[in-house]
Protein backbone atom coordinates (compact mmCIF):
# COMPACT_ATOMS: atom_id res chain seq x y z
CA MET A 1 -10.15 3.56 7.79
CA TRP A 2 -6.91 2.90 10.03
CA PHE A 3 -5.71 0.16 7.86
CA GLU A 4 -5.92 2.15 5.02
CA LEU A 5 -3.65 4.85 6.26
CA LEU A 6 -1.60 2.57 7.96
CA VAL A 7 -0.68 0.90 4.45
CA LEU A 8 -0.06 4.51 3.22
CA VAL A 9 2.05 5.55 5.84
CA VAL A 10 4.17 2.39 5.63
CA GLY A 11 4.06 3.15 1.45
CA ILE A 12 5.19 6.46 1.93
CA GLY A 13 7.89 5.46 4.54
CA PHE A 14 9.07 2.39 2.20
CA GLY A 15 9.25 5.15 -0.91
CA PHE A 16 11.51 7.61 1.76
CA LEU A 17 13.90 5.09 2.74
CA ARG A 18 14.91 3.45 -0.20
CA SER A 19 18.18 5.16 -1.39
CA GLY A 20 18.19 7.12 -4.80
CA LYS A 21 15.82 7.94 -7.16
CA GLU A 22 13.60 4.68 -8.29
CA ASP A 23 12.76 3.76 -11.75
CA LEU A 24 9.23 4.08 -11.84
CA GLY A 25 8.72 0.63 -13.01
CA THR A 26 10.75 -1.06 -10.46
CA LEU A 27 8.75 0.90 -8.13
CA ILE A 28 5.25 -0.33 -9.05
CA ARG A 29 6.65 -3.71 -9.12
CA GLN A 30 8.13 -3.65 -5.71
CA GLY A 31 5.15 -1.42 -4.42
CA LEU A 32 2.50 -4.07 -6.32
CA PHE A 33 4.24 -7.11 -4.37
CA ILE A 34 4.82 -5.65 -0.92
CA GLY A 35 1.44 -4.27 -1.21
CA ILE A 36 -0.12 -7.43 -1.84
CA VAL A 37 1.37 -9.01 1.16
CA LEU A 38 0.58 -6.40 3.09
CA GLY A 39 -2.98 -6.23 1.74
CA LEU A 40 -3.47 -9.79 2.13
CA PHE A 41 -2.52 -9.45 5.93
CA LEU A 42 -4.54 -6.73 6.71
CA GLY A 43 -7.82 -7.88 4.47
CA VAL A 44 -7.65 -11.24 6.31
CA LEU A 45 -7.31 -9.30 9.98
CA SER A 46 -10.18 -6.61 9.29
CA ILE A 47 -12.53 -9.97 8.65
CA PHE A 48 -12.01 -10.38 12.06
CA SER A 49 -12.27 -6.56 13.15
CA PRO A 50 -15.74 -5.12 13.07
CA GLY A 51 -15.62 -2.01 11.09
CA GLY A 52 -12.04 -2.55 10.35
CA MET A 53 -11.98 -1.24 6.48
CA SER A 54 -14.11 0.97 5.20
CA MET A 55 -15.79 -1.38 2.34
CA GLY A 56 -18.45 -3.65 3.63
CA VAL A 57 -17.72 -6.60 1.06
CA GLU A 58 -17.41 -10.33 2.36
CA GLY A 59 -16.42 -13.08 1.08
CA ALA A 60 -13.72 -14.31 -1.22
CA ALA A 61 -14.27 -11.84 -3.85
CA GLY A 62 -14.44 -9.24 -0.72
CA VAL A 63 -11.08 -9.92 0.57
CA ALA A 64 -9.96 -9.80 -3.41
CA VAL A 65 -11.24 -6.26 -3.68
CA LYS A 66 -9.82 -5.04 -0.54
CA VAL A 67 -5.97 -6.50 -1.45
CA ILE A 68 -6.44 -4.54 -4.55
CA ILE A 69 -7.28 -1.60 -3.05
CA LEU A 70 -4.75 -1.53 -0.02
CA ALA A 71 -1.83 -2.70 -2.58
CA ILE A 72 -2.88 0.87 -4.54
CA ILE A 73 -2.72 2.70 -1.62
CA PHE A 74 0.48 1.00 -1.13
CA ILE A 75 2.32 1.55 -4.27
CA ILE A 76 0.35 5.43 -4.23
CA GLY A 77 2.25 5.90 -0.75
CA VAL A 78 5.40 4.87 -2.19
CA MET A 79 5.45 7.19 -4.82
CA ILE A 80 4.89 9.74 -2.36
CA GLY A 81 7.67 8.72 -0.25
CA ASP A 82 10.25 8.90 -3.60
CA LEU A 83 8.85 12.48 -3.89
CA PRO A 84 11.71 14.10 -2.00
CA GLU A 85 14.50 12.12 -3.59
CA THR A 86 13.38 12.96 -7.17
CA CYS A 87 13.06 16.61 -6.09
CA LYS A 88 16.26 16.48 -4.88
CA ARG A 89 18.47 15.18 -7.28
CA GLY A 90 16.38 17.15 -9.98
């Protein structure tokens, strides 16, 4: 659970620190790329950490599922972080 929360917080920070309102397509592409990189790193790290991820899937398919889930959580965080820019500008 801590890895997912960390990815969400990093995503919110990334979305908030980007200046200006982002185009949704660009936001999703950049978030997906960074989310995959971050997901690969944390997915592999979670293999060596007992109880690191909330999912108990093992092997190459398990790492792929973890990466996809972490990328989606990161994209959601980026979209949440971009909300104050949207509300501020109207």
